[in-house]
Amino acid sequence: MIFEKKLEMKKAYFLLLTILLNFTSFAQNNDSPYETDLVKDGIFITTGLGLNVLGVLLIQEKDALTETKLNNLSKEDIWKVDRWAAGNYSERANSDSYIPMFGSFALPVVLMLSKNERSHAGQISVLFVESMATTGALFTITAALVQKSRPLVYNTSIPVEERIDSDEQRSFFAGHTAATAAASFLLLKFIMIFIPIQTGSQ
């Protein structure tokens, strides 16, 4: 159930990237510090999305934890910085974590409130899709290759079949955090770049 829910969220994530790509314009503006190129950016985005798909496929092929390994897990073996979280689990927190992640995907829309930013909508869209595709690729491939159990695996009140599920063995690194951070930092970068342009042209 948990795995299927997360898989559906991944599908929605990639669908969002695809939609953004379809609405992307490669028009250039003389007062923009960025340059976009149909071929170069197209290759970059296609490669990024391809690596995302590869990462998801690798995650789906990841082995589940055996009951023997589960029984041998100990909080004492966890790095002290993370040890406090071992055993924590909240379905509400898990569901709520999708809100800031998907909300951050809409952040570039904030820039469209100004005429100057709207004139750079194509480039903003391209850079956003490239950034999210890169972040997604780094996350999915890393999560697939690194074996690190989620905190709930250490919670003995949760059914064993959920604790050993392969989807619970990819705690590094946090995809929701990475996506939210990438979108938020990119928005800040756009504000720093495009607001001075707007001010200086008045």
N, C-alpha and C. Protein backbone atom coordinates (compact mmCIF):
# COMPACT_ATOMS: atom_id res chain seq x y z
N MET A 1 0.84 -1.20 0.00
CA MET A 1 0.00 0.00 0.00
C MET A 1 0.88 1.26 0.00
N ILE A 2 1.83 1.31 0.92
CA ILE A 2 2.71 2.48 1.01
C ILE A 2 3.53 2.62 -0.26
N PHE A 3 4.06 1.48 -0.78
CA PHE A 3 4.89 1.53 -1.98
C PHE A 3 4.07 2.01 -3.17
N GLU A 4 2.83 1.48 -3.30
CA GLU A 4 1.99 1.87 -4.42
C GLU A 4 1.67 3.36 -4.37
N LYS A 5 1.44 3.89 -3.17
CA LYS A 5 1.12 5.30 -3.02
C LYS A 5 2.30 6.16 -3.44
N LYS A 6 3.50 5.76 -3.04
CA LYS A 6 4.69 6.54 -3.37
C LYS A 6 4.99 6.45 -4.86
N LEU A 7 4.69 5.28 -5.45
CA LEU A 7 4.92 5.13 -6.88
C LEU A 7 4.01 6.05 -7.66
N GLU A 8 2.75 6.18 -7.21
CA GLU A 8 1.82 7.08 -7.87
C GLU A 8 2.29 8.53 -7.77
N MET A 9 2.89 8.91 -6.64
CA MET A 9 3.40 10.26 -6.47
C MET A 9 4.56 10.50 -7.42
N LYS A 10 5.39 9.49 -7.63
CA LYS A 10 6.51 9.62 -8.56
C LYS A 10 5.98 9.84 -9.98
N LYS A 11 4.92 9.09 -10.33
CA LYS A 11 4.34 9.25 -11.65
C LYS A 11 3.81 10.67 -11.83
N ALA A 12 3.19 11.20 -10.79
CA ALA A 12 2.66 12.56 -10.86
C ALA A 12 3.81 13.56 -11.01
N TYR A 13 4.92 13.28 -10.34
CA TYR A 13 6.10 14.15 -10.40
C TYR A 13 6.64 14.22 -11.83
N PHE A 14 6.79 13.06 -12.45
CA PHE A 14 7.31 13.03 -13.81
C PHE A 14 6.32 13.62 -14.80
N LEU A 15 5.03 13.45 -14.52
CA LEU A 15 4.00 14.03 -15.38
C LEU A 15 4.09 15.54 -15.34
N LEU A 16 4.35 16.09 -14.16
CA LEU A 16 4.49 17.53 -14.00
C LEU A 16 5.67 18.05 -14.82
N LEU A 17 6.77 17.34 -14.76
CA LEU A 17 7.95 17.75 -15.52
C LEU A 17 7.66 17.71 -17.03
N THR A 18 6.93 16.67 -17.44
CA THR A 18 6.59 16.53 -18.86
C THR A 18 5.70 17.68 -19.32
N ILE A 19 4.71 18.02 -18.49
CA ILE A 19 3.80 19.12 -18.83
C ILE A 19 4.56 20.42 -18.95
N LEU A 20 5.45 20.67 -17.99
CA LEU A 20 6.24 21.90 -18.03
C LEU A 20 7.10 21.95 -19.29
N LEU A 21 7.64 20.81 -19.65
CA LEU A 21 8.49 20.75 -20.85
C LEU A 21 7.69 21.06 -22.10
N ASN A 22 6.47 20.55 -22.16
CA ASN A 22 5.63 20.78 -23.33
C ASN A 22 5.23 22.24 -23.50
N PHE A 23 5.16 22.97 -22.38
CA PHE A 23 4.76 24.38 -22.44
C PHE A 23 5.96 25.32 -22.47
N THR A 24 7.14 24.74 -22.58
CA THR A 24 8.35 25.55 -22.55
C THR A 24 8.59 26.27 -23.87
N SER A 25 8.98 27.53 -23.75
CA SER A 25 9.33 28.32 -24.93
C SER A 25 10.81 28.63 -24.87
N PHE A 26 11.48 28.57 -25.99
CA PHE A 26 12.92 28.82 -26.01
C PHE A 26 13.25 30.22 -26.53
N ALA A 27 12.27 31.11 -26.47
CA ALA A 27 12.49 32.49 -26.91
C ALA A 27 13.53 33.17 -26.03
N GLN A 28 14.39 33.98 -26.61
CA GLN A 28 15.44 34.66 -25.88
C GLN A 28 15.08 36.13 -25.69
N ASN A 29 15.61 36.71 -24.63
CA ASN A 29 15.43 38.14 -24.38
C ASN A 29 16.80 38.77 -24.21
N ASN A 30 16.98 39.94 -24.79
CA ASN A 30 18.29 40.59 -24.76
C ASN A 30 18.74 40.93 -23.35
N ASP A 31 17.80 41.22 -22.43
CA ASP A 31 18.19 41.63 -21.09
C ASP A 31 18.28 40.46 -20.12
N SER A 32 18.28 39.26 -20.63
CA SER A 32 18.38 38.09 -19.77
C SER A 32 19.83 37.61 -19.69
N PRO A 33 20.29 37.20 -18.50
CA PRO A 33 21.65 36.69 -18.36
C PRO A 33 21.76 35.24 -18.81
N TYR A 34 20.63 34.63 -19.15
CA TYR A 34 20.62 33.22 -19.53
C TYR A 34 20.47 33.06 -21.04
N GLU A 35 20.95 31.94 -21.53
CA GLU A 35 20.79 31.58 -22.92
C GLU A 35 20.18 30.19 -22.98
N THR A 36 19.20 30.03 -23.84
CA THR A 36 18.60 28.71 -24.02
C THR A 36 18.74 28.29 -25.47
N ASP A 37 18.93 27.02 -25.65
CA ASP A 37 19.13 26.47 -26.99
C ASP A 37 18.28 25.22 -27.12
N LEU A 38 17.48 25.15 -28.16
CA LEU A 38 16.55 24.06 -28.36
C LEU A 38 17.24 22.70 -28.31
N VAL A 39 18.37 22.58 -29.00
CA VAL A 39 19.07 21.30 -29.07
C VAL A 39 19.76 20.97 -27.76
N LYS A 40 20.57 21.90 -27.25
CA LYS A 40 21.35 21.64 -26.04
C LYS A 40 20.44 21.40 -24.83
N ASP A 41 19.48 22.30 -24.66
CA ASP A 41 18.59 22.15 -23.51
C ASP A 41 17.67 20.94 -23.68
N GLY A 42 17.30 20.66 -24.93
CA GLY A 42 16.46 19.49 -25.19
C GLY A 42 17.19 18.21 -24.81
N ILE A 43 18.48 18.14 -25.18
CA ILE A 43 19.29 16.97 -24.83
C ILE A 43 19.46 16.85 -23.32
N PHE A 44 19.69 17.99 -22.67
CA PHE A 44 19.90 18.00 -21.22
C PHE A 44 18.65 17.51 -20.50
N ILE A 45 17.50 18.04 -20.90
CA ILE A 45 16.25 17.68 -20.25
C ILE A 45 15.89 16.22 -20.52
N THR A 46 16.06 15.79 -21.77
CA THR A 46 15.75 14.41 -22.12
C THR A 46 16.64 13.44 -21.34
N THR A 47 17.93 13.79 -21.23
CA THR A 47 18.86 12.95 -20.48
C THR A 47 18.47 12.90 -19.00
N GLY A 48 18.11 14.08 -18.45
CA GLY A 48 17.71 14.14 -17.05
C GLY A 48 16.49 13.29 -16.77
N LEU A 49 15.49 13.40 -17.63
CA LEU A 49 14.26 12.61 -17.45
C LEU A 49 14.55 11.12 -17.63
N GLY A 50 15.46 10.82 -18.56
CA GLY A 50 15.84 9.42 -18.78
C GLY A 50 16.51 8.83 -17.54
N LEU A 51 17.37 9.62 -16.91
CA LEU A 51 18.04 9.16 -15.69
C LEU A 51 17.05 9.01 -14.54
N ASN A 52 16.01 9.86 -14.54
CA ASN A 52 14.95 9.70 -13.54
C ASN A 52 14.25 8.36 -13.71
N VAL A 53 13.94 8.02 -14.94
CA VAL A 53 13.29 6.75 -15.22
C VAL A 53 14.19 5.59 -14.82
N LEU A 54 15.47 5.71 -15.15
CA LEU A 54 16.45 4.68 -14.76
C LEU A 54 16.49 4.52 -13.25
N GLY A 55 16.52 5.65 -12.54
CA GLY A 55 16.56 5.61 -11.08
C GLY A 55 15.35 4.93 -10.49
N VAL A 56 14.16 5.24 -11.04
CA VAL A 56 12.92 4.62 -10.54
C VAL A 56 12.94 3.11 -10.81
N LEU A 57 13.44 2.71 -11.98
CA LEU A 57 13.53 1.28 -12.30
C LEU A 57 14.49 0.57 -11.36
N LEU A 58 15.60 1.23 -11.04
CA LEU A 58 16.57 0.64 -10.10
C LEU A 58 15.96 0.52 -8.71
N ILE A 59 15.16 1.52 -8.31
CA ILE A 59 14.51 1.48 -7.01
C ILE A 59 13.53 0.31 -6.95
N GLN A 60 12.80 0.09 -8.04
CA GLN A 60 11.83 -1.00 -8.09
C GLN A 60 12.51 -2.36 -8.02
N GLU A 61 13.77 -2.42 -8.45
CA GLU A 61 14.51 -3.68 -8.43
C GLU A 61 15.27 -3.87 -7.13
N LYS A 62 15.20 -2.93 -6.24
CA LYS A 62 15.96 -3.01 -5.00
C LYS A 62 15.44 -4.16 -4.13
N ASP A 63 16.36 -4.88 -3.51
CA ASP A 63 15.99 -6.03 -2.68
C ASP A 63 15.36 -5.60 -1.37
N ALA A 64 14.40 -6.39 -0.94
CA ALA A 64 13.78 -6.15 0.37
C ALA A 64 14.75 -6.62 1.46
N LEU A 65 14.50 -6.17 2.65
CA LEU A 65 15.33 -6.57 3.79
C LEU A 65 14.87 -7.95 4.25
N THR A 66 15.79 -8.84 4.52
CA THR A 66 15.41 -10.16 5.02
C THR A 66 15.06 -10.05 6.50
N GLU A 67 14.27 -10.98 7.01
CA GLU A 67 13.89 -10.94 8.42
C GLU A 67 15.10 -11.14 9.31
N THR A 68 16.07 -11.89 8.82
CA THR A 68 17.31 -12.09 9.60
C THR A 68 18.05 -10.78 9.79
N LYS A 69 18.17 -10.02 8.68
CA LYS A 69 18.85 -8.72 8.76
C LYS A 69 18.02 -7.74 9.59
N LEU A 70 16.69 -7.85 9.48
CA LEU A 70 15.83 -6.98 10.27
C LEU A 70 16.06 -7.21 11.76
N ASN A 71 16.13 -8.47 12.14
CA ASN A 71 16.33 -8.80 13.55
C ASN A 71 17.71 -8.40 14.06
N ASN A 72 18.65 -8.25 13.13
CA ASN A 72 20.01 -7.88 13.53
C ASN A 72 20.23 -6.37 13.56
N LEU A 73 19.21 -5.62 13.11
CA LEU A 73 19.34 -4.16 13.12
C LEU A 73 19.35 -3.65 14.56
N SER A 74 20.17 -2.65 14.80
CA SER A 74 20.24 -2.04 16.13
C SER A 74 20.39 -0.53 16.00
N LYS A 75 19.67 0.19 16.82
CA LYS A 75 19.79 1.65 16.81
C LYS A 75 21.21 2.09 17.15
N GLU A 76 21.90 1.27 17.89
CA GLU A 76 23.27 1.62 18.30
C GLU A 76 24.23 1.65 17.12
N ASP A 77 23.84 1.01 16.02
CA ASP A 77 24.70 1.00 14.84
C ASP A 77 24.49 2.22 13.95
N ILE A 78 23.51 3.03 14.30
CA ILE A 78 23.20 4.22 13.50
C ILE A 78 24.07 5.38 13.96
N TRP A 79 24.50 6.18 13.00
CA TRP A 79 25.28 7.37 13.30
C TRP A 79 24.51 8.21 14.33
N LYS A 80 25.20 8.72 15.33
CA LYS A 80 24.54 9.41 16.44
C LYS A 80 23.64 10.57 16.00
N VAL A 81 24.03 11.23 14.92
CA VAL A 81 23.23 12.36 14.43
C VAL A 81 21.82 11.90 14.04
N ASP A 82 21.70 10.68 13.52
CA ASP A 82 20.43 10.15 13.05
C ASP A 82 19.73 9.23 14.05
N ARG A 83 20.43 8.84 15.09
CA ARG A 83 19.91 7.80 15.99
C ARG A 83 18.59 8.18 16.65
N TRP A 84 18.40 9.46 16.93
CA TRP A 84 17.19 9.90 17.62
C TRP A 84 15.93 9.62 16.81
N ALA A 85 16.07 9.54 15.49
CA ALA A 85 14.90 9.36 14.63
C ALA A 85 14.52 7.90 14.44
N ALA A 86 15.39 6.99 14.79
CA ALA A 86 15.13 5.56 14.58
C ALA A 86 13.86 5.13 15.31
N GLY A 87 12.94 4.56 14.57
CA GLY A 87 11.69 4.10 15.16
C GLY A 87 10.53 5.06 14.95
N ASN A 88 10.83 6.30 14.56
CA ASN A 88 9.76 7.29 14.34
C ASN A 88 8.94 6.92 13.10
N TYR A 89 7.64 7.11 13.22
CA TYR A 89 6.78 6.90 12.06
C TYR A 89 5.44 7.60 12.28
N SER A 90 5.00 8.31 11.25
CA SER A 90 3.72 8.99 11.31
C SER A 90 3.13 9.03 9.91
N GLU A 91 2.00 8.37 9.71
CA GLU A 91 1.35 8.38 8.40
C GLU A 91 0.91 9.79 8.04
N ARG A 92 0.49 10.56 9.05
CA ARG A 92 0.07 11.95 8.81
C ARG A 92 1.25 12.79 8.32
N ALA A 93 2.40 12.63 8.99
CA ALA A 93 3.58 13.38 8.58
C ALA A 93 4.02 12.98 7.17
N ASN A 94 3.89 11.70 6.86
CA ASN A 94 4.24 11.22 5.53
C ASN A 94 3.35 11.86 4.47
N SER A 95 2.06 11.91 4.75
CA SER A 95 1.12 12.52 3.80
C SER A 95 1.34 14.02 3.68
N ASP A 96 1.56 14.68 4.82
CA ASP A 96 1.75 16.13 4.82
C ASP A 96 3.03 16.55 4.10
N SER A 97 4.01 15.66 4.05
CA SER A 97 5.29 16.01 3.43
C SER A 97 5.15 16.25 1.93
N TYR A 98 4.06 15.76 1.33
CA TYR A 98 3.85 15.98 -0.10
C TYR A 98 3.37 17.41 -0.38
N ILE A 99 2.79 18.05 0.63
CA ILE A 99 2.23 19.39 0.43
C ILE A 99 3.32 20.41 0.08
N PRO A 100 4.38 20.56 0.91
CA PRO A 100 5.41 21.53 0.53
C PRO A 100 6.16 21.14 -0.74
N MET A 101 6.28 19.82 -0.98
CA MET A 101 7.00 19.39 -2.18
C MET A 101 6.26 19.83 -3.44
N PHE A 102 4.98 19.48 -3.55
CA PHE A 102 4.23 19.86 -4.73
C PHE A 102 3.96 21.36 -4.75
N GLY A 103 3.84 21.96 -3.57
CA GLY A 103 3.65 23.40 -3.51
C GLY A 103 4.86 24.13 -4.06
N SER A 104 6.05 23.59 -3.80
CA SER A 104 7.28 24.23 -4.29
C SER A 104 7.37 24.19 -5.81
N PHE A 105 6.71 23.20 -6.43
CA PHE A 105 6.74 23.12 -7.89
C PHE A 105 6.00 24.30 -8.52
N ALA A 106 5.12 24.91 -7.75
CA ALA A 106 4.35 26.04 -8.28
C ALA A 106 5.02 27.37 -8.00
N LEU A 107 6.14 27.36 -7.28
CA LEU A 107 6.82 28.61 -6.91
C LEU A 107 7.19 29.49 -8.10
N PRO A 108 7.66 28.91 -9.23
CA PRO A 108 8.01 29.78 -10.36
C PRO A 108 6.85 30.63 -10.85
N VAL A 109 5.62 30.20 -10.56
CA VAL A 109 4.44 30.96 -10.97
C VAL A 109 4.45 32.33 -10.31
N VAL A 110 5.07 32.41 -9.12
CA VAL A 110 5.16 33.68 -8.40
C VAL A 110 5.85 34.74 -9.25
N LEU A 111 6.83 34.29 -10.04
CA LEU A 111 7.58 35.22 -10.87
C LEU A 111 6.75 35.77 -12.02
N MET A 112 5.66 35.09 -12.34
CA MET A 112 4.84 35.51 -13.47
C MET A 112 3.91 36.67 -13.12
N LEU A 113 3.95 37.13 -11.88
CA LEU A 113 3.11 38.25 -11.47
C LEU A 113 3.62 39.56 -12.06
N SER A 114 4.87 39.58 -12.46
CA SER A 114 5.46 40.78 -13.03
C SER A 114 5.63 40.63 -14.55
N LYS A 115 5.42 41.70 -15.26
CA LYS A 115 5.54 41.68 -16.71
C LYS A 115 6.95 41.27 -17.13
N ASN A 116 7.97 41.76 -16.42
CA ASN A 116 9.34 41.44 -16.77
C ASN A 116 9.62 39.96 -16.65
N GLU A 117 9.13 39.35 -15.55
CA GLU A 117 9.33 37.93 -15.36
C GLU A 117 8.55 37.13 -16.40
N ARG A 118 7.37 37.60 -16.75
CA ARG A 118 6.57 36.88 -17.76
C ARG A 118 7.27 36.88 -19.11
N SER A 119 8.02 37.95 -19.38
CA SER A 119 8.74 38.00 -20.65
C SER A 119 9.88 36.98 -20.69
N HIS A 120 10.26 36.45 -19.51
CA HIS A 120 11.31 35.43 -19.44
C HIS A 120 10.72 34.07 -19.08
N ALA A 121 9.43 33.91 -19.27
CA ALA A 121 8.75 32.68 -18.87
C ALA A 121 9.36 31.43 -19.50
N GLY A 122 9.76 31.54 -20.76
CA GLY A 122 10.34 30.40 -21.44
C GLY A 122 11.62 29.93 -20.78
N GLN A 123 12.52 30.89 -20.53
CA GLN A 123 13.79 30.53 -19.91
C GLN A 123 13.60 30.05 -18.47
N ILE A 124 12.70 30.67 -17.75
CA ILE A 124 12.42 30.24 -16.37
C ILE A 124 11.90 28.80 -16.38
N SER A 125 11.04 28.48 -17.33
CA SER A 125 10.50 27.12 -17.43
C SER A 125 11.59 26.11 -17.75
N VAL A 126 12.46 26.47 -18.69
CA VAL A 126 13.55 25.57 -19.07
C VAL A 126 14.45 25.29 -17.88
N LEU A 127 14.89 26.35 -17.20
CA LEU A 127 15.79 26.19 -16.07
C LEU A 127 15.13 25.42 -14.93
N PHE A 128 13.84 25.63 -14.74
CA PHE A 128 13.13 24.91 -13.68
C PHE A 128 13.07 23.42 -13.99
N VAL A 129 12.70 23.09 -15.23
CA VAL A 129 12.61 21.68 -15.61
C VAL A 129 13.99 21.02 -15.52
N GLU A 130 15.02 21.71 -15.98
CA GLU A 130 16.37 21.15 -15.91
C GLU A 130 16.80 20.92 -14.47
N SER A 131 16.51 21.88 -13.60
CA SER A 131 16.89 21.75 -12.19
C SER A 131 16.18 20.60 -11.51
N MET A 132 14.87 20.49 -11.75
CA MET A 132 14.09 19.43 -11.11
C MET A 132 14.45 18.06 -11.68
N ALA A 133 14.74 18.01 -12.98
CA ALA A 133 15.12 16.74 -13.59
C ALA A 133 16.47 16.28 -13.04
N THR A 134 17.39 17.23 -12.86
CA THR A 134 18.71 16.89 -12.29
C THR A 134 18.57 16.42 -10.85
N THR A 135 17.78 17.14 -10.07
CA THR A 135 17.56 16.76 -8.68
C THR A 135 16.92 15.38 -8.59
N GLY A 136 15.91 15.15 -9.43
CA GLY A 136 15.23 13.86 -9.43
C GLY A 136 16.16 12.72 -9.80
N ALA A 137 17.04 12.96 -10.78
CA ALA A 137 17.98 11.93 -11.20
C ALA A 137 18.97 11.59 -10.09
N LEU A 138 19.51 12.62 -9.45
CA LEU A 138 20.44 12.40 -8.34
C LEU A 138 19.77 11.65 -7.20
N PHE A 139 18.52 12.02 -6.92
CA PHE A 139 17.80 11.38 -5.81
C PHE A 139 17.49 9.92 -6.11
N THR A 140 16.85 9.64 -7.25
CA THR A 140 16.41 8.28 -7.53
C THR A 140 17.58 7.31 -7.66
N ILE A 141 18.63 7.73 -8.35
CA ILE A 141 19.77 6.83 -8.53
C ILE A 141 20.50 6.60 -7.21
N THR A 142 20.67 7.66 -6.43
CA THR A 142 21.32 7.51 -5.12
C THR A 142 20.49 6.63 -4.19
N ALA A 143 19.19 6.88 -4.15
CA ALA A 143 18.30 6.09 -3.29
C ALA A 143 18.31 4.62 -3.69
N ALA A 144 18.48 4.36 -4.97
CA ALA A 144 18.49 2.99 -5.44
C ALA A 144 19.79 2.27 -5.09
N LEU A 145 20.89 3.00 -5.11
CA LEU A 145 22.21 2.38 -4.89
C LEU A 145 22.65 2.33 -3.43
N VAL A 146 22.14 3.26 -2.62
CA VAL A 146 22.55 3.32 -1.22
C VAL A 146 21.56 2.55 -0.34
N GLN A 147 22.07 1.65 0.46
CA GLN A 147 21.22 0.86 1.34
C GLN A 147 21.18 1.52 2.73
N LYS A 148 20.06 2.14 3.02
CA LYS A 148 19.87 2.76 4.33
C LYS A 148 18.39 2.68 4.69
N SER A 149 18.08 2.02 5.80
CA SER A 149 16.69 1.81 6.20
C SER A 149 16.05 3.07 6.74
N ARG A 150 14.77 3.23 6.45
CA ARG A 150 14.01 4.35 6.99
C ARG A 150 13.81 4.15 8.50
N PRO A 151 13.53 5.23 9.21
CA PRO A 151 13.31 5.13 10.67
C PRO A 151 12.23 4.13 11.06
N LEU A 152 11.18 4.00 10.24
CA LEU A 152 10.08 3.11 10.61
C LEU A 152 10.50 1.64 10.67
N VAL A 153 11.60 1.30 10.00
CA VAL A 153 12.10 -0.08 10.01
C VAL A 153 12.47 -0.50 11.43
N TYR A 154 12.83 0.47 12.26
CA TYR A 154 13.24 0.18 13.64
C TYR A 154 12.05 0.20 14.60
N ASN A 155 10.86 0.44 14.07
CA ASN A 155 9.66 0.50 14.90
C ASN A 155 9.01 -0.88 14.97
N THR A 156 9.10 -1.53 16.10
CA THR A 156 8.60 -2.91 16.25
C THR A 156 7.08 -3.00 16.29
N SER A 157 6.38 -1.86 16.38
CA SER A 157 4.92 -1.89 16.39
C SER A 157 4.33 -1.95 14.98
N ILE A 158 5.18 -1.80 13.98
CA ILE A 158 4.76 -1.85 12.59
C ILE A 158 4.93 -3.28 12.08
N PRO A 159 3.99 -3.78 11.29
CA PRO A 159 4.08 -5.15 10.75
C PRO A 159 5.41 -5.39 10.05
N VAL A 160 5.93 -6.59 10.23
CA VAL A 160 7.23 -6.96 9.66
C VAL A 160 7.26 -6.79 8.15
N GLU A 161 6.15 -7.16 7.47
CA GLU A 161 6.14 -7.08 6.01
C GLU A 161 6.33 -5.65 5.51
N GLU A 162 5.90 -4.68 6.29
CA GLU A 162 6.11 -3.28 5.91
C GLU A 162 7.54 -2.84 6.20
N ARG A 163 8.08 -3.31 7.30
CA ARG A 163 9.43 -2.92 7.70
C ARG A 163 10.50 -3.46 6.77
N ILE A 164 10.26 -4.63 6.18
CA ILE A 164 11.28 -5.22 5.31
C ILE A 164 11.07 -4.85 3.84
N ASP A 165 9.98 -4.15 3.53
CA ASP A 165 9.69 -3.77 2.15
C ASP A 165 10.88 -3.02 1.55
N SER A 166 11.18 -3.31 0.29
CA SER A 166 12.33 -2.70 -0.37
C SER A 166 12.23 -1.19 -0.41
N ASP A 167 11.01 -0.66 -0.48
CA ASP A 167 10.83 0.79 -0.55
C ASP A 167 11.23 1.46 0.75
N GLU A 168 11.31 0.71 1.82
CA GLU A 168 11.69 1.28 3.12
C GLU A 168 13.19 1.18 3.35
N GLN A 169 13.92 0.73 2.37
CA GLN A 169 15.37 0.57 2.52
C GLN A 169 16.14 1.61 1.71
N ARG A 170 15.52 2.75 1.49
CA ARG A 170 16.16 3.82 0.71
C ARG A 170 15.97 5.17 1.40
N SER A 171 16.50 5.25 2.58
CA SER A 171 16.33 6.47 3.37
C SER A 171 17.30 7.58 2.99
N PHE A 172 18.29 7.27 2.17
CA PHE A 172 19.26 8.29 1.77
C PHE A 172 19.23 8.47 0.26
N PHE A 173 19.00 9.71 -0.21
CA PHE A 173 18.66 10.85 0.65
C PHE A 173 17.18 11.20 0.50
N ALA A 174 16.71 12.21 1.23
CA ALA A 174 15.29 12.53 1.26
C ALA A 174 14.85 13.21 -0.03
N GLY A 175 13.97 12.57 -0.77
CA GLY A 175 13.52 13.10 -2.05
C GLY A 175 12.65 14.34 -1.91
N HIS A 176 11.74 14.32 -0.94
CA HIS A 176 10.86 15.48 -0.75
C HIS A 176 11.67 16.72 -0.38
N THR A 177 12.62 16.53 0.51
CA THR A 177 13.47 17.65 0.94
C THR A 177 14.29 18.18 -0.22
N ALA A 178 14.86 17.26 -1.01
CA ALA A 178 15.70 17.67 -2.14
C ALA A 178 14.90 18.45 -3.17
N ALA A 179 13.70 17.96 -3.50
CA ALA A 179 12.87 18.63 -4.51
C ALA A 179 12.42 20.00 -4.03
N THR A 180 11.99 20.07 -2.77
CA THR A 180 11.54 21.35 -2.21
C THR A 180 12.67 22.36 -2.16
N ALA A 181 13.85 21.90 -1.73
CA ALA A 181 15.01 22.79 -1.64
C ALA A 181 15.42 23.28 -3.02
N ALA A 182 15.46 22.39 -4.00
CA ALA A 182 15.87 22.77 -5.34
C ALA A 182 14.94 23.83 -5.93
N ALA A 183 13.63 23.61 -5.79
CA ALA A 183 12.66 24.56 -6.33
C ALA A 183 12.74 25.90 -5.61
N SER A 184 12.91 25.86 -4.29
CA SER A 184 12.96 27.09 -3.49
C SER A 184 14.22 27.89 -3.78
N PHE A 185 15.35 27.22 -3.84
CA PHE A 185 16.62 27.90 -4.12
C PHE A 185 16.61 28.50 -5.52
N LEU A 186 16.00 27.77 -6.46
CA LEU A 186 15.94 28.28 -7.83
C LEU A 186 15.08 29.53 -7.90
N LEU A 187 13.98 29.54 -7.15
CA LEU A 187 13.13 30.73 -7.10
C LEU A 187 13.91 31.92 -6.58
N LEU A 188 14.68 31.72 -5.52
CA LEU A 188 15.50 32.79 -4.95
C LEU A 188 16.50 33.30 -5.97
N LYS A 189 17.10 32.38 -6.72
CA LYS A 189 18.06 32.77 -7.75
C LYS A 189 17.38 33.62 -8.82
N PHE A 190 16.18 33.23 -9.24
CA PHE A 190 15.45 34.00 -10.23
C PHE A 190 15.13 35.39 -9.73
N ILE A 191 14.73 35.48 -8.47
CA ILE A 191 14.41 36.78 -7.88
C ILE A 191 15.64 37.68 -7.88
N MET A 192 16.79 37.12 -7.51
CA MET A 192 18.03 37.89 -7.47
C MET A 192 18.45 38.37 -8.86
N ILE A 193 18.15 37.55 -9.87
CA ILE A 193 18.56 37.88 -11.24
C ILE A 193 17.58 38.82 -11.92
N PHE A 194 16.30 38.50 -11.87
CA PHE A 194 15.32 39.22 -12.68
C PHE A 194 14.77 40.50 -12.02
N ILE A 195 14.74 40.56 -10.72
CA ILE A 195 14.27 41.78 -10.07
C ILE A 195 15.18 42.97 -10.37
N PRO A 196 16.53 42.82 -10.28
CA PRO A 196 17.40 43.94 -10.66
C PRO A 196 17.21 44.39 -12.09
N ILE A 197 16.94 43.42 -12.99
CA ILE A 197 16.71 43.76 -14.40
C ILE A 197 15.47 44.66 -14.51
N GLN A 198 14.44 44.27 -13.81
CA GLN A 198 13.19 45.03 -13.85
C GLN A 198 13.40 46.44 -13.29
N THR A 199 14.10 46.52 -12.15
CA THR A 199 14.34 47.82 -11.50
C THR A 199 15.18 48.73 -12.37
N GLY A 200 16.22 48.13 -12.98
CA GLY A 200 17.14 48.92 -13.76
C GLY A 200 16.54 49.43 -15.06
N SER A 201 15.48 48.75 -15.53
CA SER A 201 14.90 49.16 -16.81
C SER A 201 13.84 50.22 -16.66
N GLN A 202 13.47 50.56 -15.41
CA GLN A 202 12.44 51.55 -15.18
C GLN A 202 13.02 52.97 -15.21
